[in-house]
Each structure stands twice: as C-alpha cells, then as structure tokens.
Amino acid sequence: NVVNKPEHGSLDWVKICEKSSKVITFIDLAGHERYLKTTVFGMTGHAPDF
C-alpha cells in the first residue's frame, strides 16, 4: 500500500512511519560533473541507508 493520501486531515511523519513498512525519499541533486562535490555532500547529508 502507498501511504501518501490521508482520508481525513493530514499525515505527519509519525503516522506515515506507523502505517509503512518502508519509507522512500527522493532527493533532487545536481548531475553535472562540475557539481560533484555538492551532489556527494547532498547524498551523504541525508544519511542514506542502503
């Protein structure tokens, strides 16, 4: 099941995590080689868990 549409009101992170078995976060980062340092910093700044 996808948990992104609340039936009533809004969902907060606690409710989303309670109803989910996995949480996926999409991050938009620069793809150009010129911005490689910024891209790596952005990826590691979110503490990815592979």
PDB file of N, CA and C in Angstrom:
ATOM      1  N   ASN A   1       0.831  -1.191   0.000  1.00  0.00           N
ATOM      2  CA  ASN A   1       0.000   0.000   0.000  1.00  0.00           C
ATOM      3  C   ASN A   1       0.868   1.246   0.000  1.00  0.00           C
ATOM      4  N   VAL A   2       0.413   2.251  -0.690  1.00  0.00           N
ATOM      5  CA  VAL A   2       1.105   3.531  -0.704  1.00  0.00           C
ATOM      6  C   VAL A   2       0.423   4.439   0.304  1.00  0.00           C
ATOM      7  N   VAL A   3       1.203   4.996   1.209  1.00  0.00           N
ATOM      8  CA  VAL A   3       0.650   5.858   2.251  1.00  0.00           C
ATOM      9  C   VAL A   3       1.044   7.291   1.924  1.00  0.00           C
ATOM     10  N   ASN A   4       0.246   7.948   1.123  1.00  0.00           N
ATOM     11  CA  ASN A   4       0.529   9.350   0.821  1.00  0.00           C
ATOM     12  C   ASN A   4      -0.736  10.184   0.696  1.00  0.00           C
ATOM     13  N   LYS A   5      -1.896   9.549   0.833  1.00  0.00           N
ATOM     14  CA  LYS A   5      -3.152  10.279   0.736  1.00  0.00           C
ATOM     15  C   LYS A   5      -3.954  10.057   2.015  1.00  0.00           C
ATOM     16  N   PRO A   6      -4.013  11.050   2.880  1.00  0.00           N
ATOM     17  CA  PRO A   6      -4.803  10.885   4.099  1.00  0.00           C
ATOM     18  C   PRO A   6      -6.291  10.921   3.783  1.00  0.00           C
ATOM     19  N   GLU A   7      -7.058  10.117   4.506  1.00  0.00           N
ATOM     20  CA  GLU A   7      -8.511  10.130   4.314  1.00  0.00           C
ATOM     21  C   GLU A   7      -9.120  11.391   4.925  1.00  0.00           C
ATOM     22  N   HIS A   8      -8.625  11.775   6.090  1.00  0.00           N
ATOM     23  CA  HIS A   8      -9.114  12.982   6.763  1.00  0.00           C
ATOM     24  C   HIS A   8      -7.923  13.723   7.350  1.00  0.00           C
ATOM     25  N   GLY A   9      -7.826  15.010   7.112  1.00  0.00           N
ATOM     26  CA  GLY A   9      -6.725  15.787   7.662  1.00  0.00           C
ATOM     27  C   GLY A   9      -5.420  15.512   6.941  1.00  0.00           C
ATOM     28  N   SER A  10      -4.337  15.683   7.653  1.00  0.00           N
ATOM     29  CA  SER A  10      -3.023  15.457   7.053  1.00  0.00           C
ATOM     30  C   SER A  10      -2.252  14.418   7.859  1.00  0.00           C
ATOM     31  N   LEU A  11      -1.308  13.774   7.195  1.00  0.00           N
ATOM     32  CA  LEU A  11      -0.469  12.782   7.857  1.00  0.00           C
ATOM     33  C   LEU A  11       0.838  13.425   8.294  1.00  0.00           C
ATOM     34  N   ASP A  12       1.277  13.127   9.508  1.00  0.00           N
ATOM     35  CA  ASP A  12       2.602  13.559   9.924  1.00  0.00           C
ATOM     36  C   ASP A  12       3.552  12.372   9.815  1.00  0.00           C
ATOM     37  N   TRP A  13       4.854  12.613  10.018  1.00  0.00           N
ATOM     38  CA  TRP A  13       5.852  11.559   9.832  1.00  0.00           C
ATOM     39  C   TRP A  13       5.631  10.380  10.762  1.00  0.00           C
ATOM     40  N   VAL A  14       5.142  10.611  11.957  1.00  0.00           N
ATOM     41  CA  VAL A  14       4.905   9.511  12.903  1.00  0.00           C
ATOM     42  C   VAL A  14       3.842   8.573  12.344  1.00  0.00           C
ATOM     43  N   LYS A  15       2.743   9.129  11.851  1.00  0.00           N
ATOM     44  CA  LYS A  15       1.668   8.304  11.291  1.00  0.00           C
ATOM     45  C   LYS A  15       2.116   7.587  10.022  1.00  0.00           C
ATOM     46  N   ILE A  16       2.884   8.273   9.193  1.00  0.00           N
ATOM     47  CA  ILE A  16       3.380   7.651   7.963  1.00  0.00           C
ATOM     48  C   ILE A  16       4.263   6.457   8.298  1.00  0.00           C
ATOM     49  N   CYS A  17       5.172   6.616   9.248  1.00  0.00           N
ATOM     50  CA  CYS A  17       6.074   5.522   9.633  1.00  0.00           C
ATOM     51  C   CYS A  17       5.326   4.373  10.295  1.00  0.00           C
ATOM     52  N   GLU A  18       4.283   4.676  11.064  1.00  0.00           N
ATOM     53  CA  GLU A  18       3.482   3.623  11.700  1.00  0.00           C
ATOM     54  C   GLU A  18       2.752   2.776  10.664  1.00  0.00           C
ATOM     55  N   LYS A  19       2.287   3.401   9.584  1.00  0.00           N
ATOM     56  CA  LYS A  19       1.497   2.698   8.578  1.00  0.00           C
ATOM     57  C   LYS A  19       2.337   2.080   7.469  1.00  0.00           C
ATOM     58  N   SER A  20       3.647   2.339   7.475  1.00  0.00           N
ATOM     59  CA  SER A  20       4.508   1.900   6.375  1.00  0.00           C
ATOM     60  C   SER A  20       5.494   0.835   6.815  1.00  0.00           C
ATOM     61  N   SER A  21       5.828  -0.042   5.871  1.00  0.00           N
ATOM     62  CA  SER A  21       6.903  -0.997   6.129  1.00  0.00           C
ATOM     63  C   SER A  21       8.223  -0.443   5.605  1.00  0.00           C
ATOM     64  N   LYS A  22       8.160   0.472   4.629  1.00  0.00           N
ATOM     65  CA  LYS A  22       9.343   1.129   4.069  1.00  0.00           C
ATOM     66  C   LYS A  22       8.998   2.576   3.761  1.00  0.00           C
ATOM     67  N   VAL A  23       9.975   3.456   3.924  1.00  0.00           N
ATOM     68  CA  VAL A  23       9.806   4.861   3.567  1.00  0.00           C
ATOM     69  C   VAL A  23      10.873   5.194   2.534  1.00  0.00           C
ATOM     70  N   ILE A  24      10.453   5.700   1.388  1.00  0.00           N
ATOM     71  CA  ILE A  24      11.370   6.051   0.305  1.00  0.00           C
ATOM     72  C   ILE A  24      11.394   7.568   0.167  1.00  0.00           C
ATOM     73  N   THR A  25      12.596   8.126   0.144  1.00  0.00           N
ATOM     74  CA  THR A  25      12.765   9.564  -0.008  1.00  0.00           C
ATOM     75  C   THR A  25      13.486   9.844  -1.320  1.00  0.00           C
ATOM     76  N   PHE A  26      12.914  10.691  -2.145  1.00  0.00           N
ATOM     77  CA  PHE A  26      13.542  11.101  -3.394  1.00  0.00           C
ATOM     78  C   PHE A  26      14.230  12.441  -3.174  1.00  0.00           C
ATOM     79  N   ILE A  27      15.478  12.537  -3.632  1.00  0.00           N
ATOM     80  CA  ILE A  27      16.261  13.752  -3.460  1.00  0.00           C
ATOM     81  C   ILE A  27      16.727  14.217  -4.836  1.00  0.00           C
ATOM     82  N   ASP A  28      16.449  15.465  -5.172  1.00  0.00           N
ATOM     83  CA  ASP A  28      16.862  16.027  -6.455  1.00  0.00           C
ATOM     84  C   ASP A  28      18.212  16.707  -6.276  1.00  0.00           C
ATOM     85  N   LEU A  29      19.230  16.182  -6.942  1.00  0.00           N
ATOM     86  CA  LEU A  29      20.581  16.720  -6.834  1.00  0.00           C
ATOM     87  C   LEU A  29      21.135  17.046  -8.213  1.00  0.00           C
ATOM     88  N   ALA A  30      22.157  17.893  -8.230  1.00  0.00           N
ATOM     89  CA  ALA A  30      22.812  18.255  -9.490  1.00  0.00           C
ATOM     90  C   ALA A  30      23.493  17.032 -10.091  1.00  0.00           C
ATOM     91  N   GLY A  31      23.429  16.886 -11.409  1.00  0.00           N
ATOM     92  CA  GLY A  31      24.023  15.741 -12.065  1.00  0.00           C
ATOM     93  C   GLY A  31      25.278  16.061 -12.853  1.00  0.00           C
ATOM     94  N   HIS A  32      25.587  17.331 -12.993  1.00  0.00           N
ATOM     95  CA  HIS A  32      26.752  17.739 -13.778  1.00  0.00           C
ATOM     96  C   HIS A  32      28.033  17.508 -12.979  1.00  0.00           C
ATOM     97  N   GLU A  33      29.081  17.081 -13.665  1.00  0.00           N
ATOM     98  CA  GLU A  33      30.370  16.788 -13.014  1.00  0.00           C
ATOM     99  C   GLU A  33      30.917  18.004 -12.253  1.00  0.00           C
ATOM    100  N   ARG A  34      30.611  19.177 -12.730  1.00  0.00           N
ATOM    101  CA  ARG A  34      31.062  20.412 -12.078  1.00  0.00           C
ATOM    102  C   ARG A  34      30.549  20.498 -10.639  1.00  0.00           C
ATOM    103  N   TYR A  35      29.395  19.910 -10.362  1.00  0.00           N
ATOM    104  CA  TYR A  35      28.767  19.991  -9.045  1.00  0.00           C
ATOM    105  C   TYR A  35      28.875  18.677  -8.273  1.00  0.00           C
ATOM    106  N   LEU A  36      29.882  17.862  -8.584  1.00  0.00           N
ATOM    107  CA  LEU A  36      30.041  16.556  -7.947  1.00  0.00           C
ATOM    108  C   LEU A  36      30.178  16.671  -6.432  1.00  0.00           C
ATOM    109  N   LYS A  37      30.964  17.623  -5.954  1.00  0.00           N
ATOM    110  CA  LYS A  37      31.154  17.798  -4.511  1.00  0.00           C
ATOM    111  C   LYS A  37      29.818  18.113  -3.827  1.00  0.00           C
ATOM    112  N   THR A  38      29.034  18.985  -4.422  1.00  0.00           N
ATOM    113  CA  THR A  38      27.726  19.331  -3.871  1.00  0.00           C
ATOM    114  C   THR A  38      26.790  18.131  -3.892  1.00  0.00           C
ATOM    115  N   THR A  39      26.839  17.347  -4.960  1.00  0.00           N
ATOM    116  CA  THR A  39      25.994  16.162  -5.077  1.00  0.00           C
ATOM    117  C   THR A  39      26.333  15.143  -3.996  1.00  0.00           C
ATOM    118  N   VAL A  40      27.613  14.865  -3.810  1.00  0.00           N
ATOM    119  CA  VAL A  40      28.036  13.900  -2.786  1.00  0.00           C
ATOM    120  C   VAL A  40      27.667  14.406  -1.399  1.00  0.00           C
ATOM    121  N   PHE A  41      27.873  15.683  -1.144  1.00  0.00           N
ATOM    122  CA  PHE A  41      27.501  16.265   0.142  1.00  0.00           C
ATOM    123  C   PHE A  41      25.997  16.134   0.380  1.00  0.00           C
ATOM    124  N   GLY A  42      25.194  16.388  -0.643  1.00  0.00           N
ATOM    125  CA  GLY A  42      23.745  16.265  -0.519  1.00  0.00           C
ATOM    126  C   GLY A  42      23.296  14.841  -0.266  1.00  0.00           C
ATOM    127  N   MET A  43      23.956  13.884  -0.905  1.00  0.00           N
ATOM    128  CA  MET A  43      23.594  12.471  -0.712  1.00  0.00           C
ATOM    129  C   MET A  43      23.955  11.995   0.692  1.00  0.00           C
ATOM    130  N   THR A  44      25.133  12.351   1.174  1.00  0.00           N
ATOM    131  CA  THR A  44      25.561  11.886   2.492  1.00  0.00           C
ATOM    132  C   THR A  44      24.910  12.677   3.620  1.00  0.00           C
ATOM    133  N   GLY A  45      24.464  13.875   3.337  1.00  0.00           N
ATOM    134  CA  GLY A  45      23.825  14.703   4.354  1.00  0.00           C
ATOM    135  C   GLY A  45      22.499  14.146   4.836  1.00  0.00           C
ATOM    136  N   HIS A  46      21.879  13.316   4.041  1.00  0.00           N
ATOM    137  CA  HIS A  46      20.604  12.714   4.420  1.00  0.00           C
ATOM    138  C   HIS A  46      20.777  11.345   5.054  1.00  0.00           C
ATOM    139  N   ALA A  47      22.013  10.950   5.334  1.00  0.00           N
ATOM    140  CA  ALA A  47      22.338   9.665   5.970  1.00  0.00           C
ATOM    141  C   ALA A  47      21.614   8.515   5.281  1.00  0.00           C
ATOM    142  N   PRO A  48      21.924   8.255   4.003  1.00  0.00           N
ATOM    143  CA  PRO A  48      21.230   7.171   3.292  1.00  0.00           C
ATOM    144  C   PRO A  48      21.522   5.807   3.905  1.00  0.00           C
ATOM    145  N   ASP A  49      20.532   4.954   3.866  1.00  0.00           N
ATOM    146  CA  ASP A  49      20.651   3.591   4.383  1.00  0.00           C
ATOM    147  C   ASP A  49      20.364   2.653   3.226  1.00  0.00           C
ATOM    148  N   PHE A  50      21.394   1.974   2.741  1.00  0.00           N
ATOM    149  CA  PHE A  50      21.231   1.125   1.568  1.00  0.00           C
ATOM    150  C   PHE A  50      20.793  -0.239   1.966  1.00  0.00           C
TER     151      PHE A  50
END
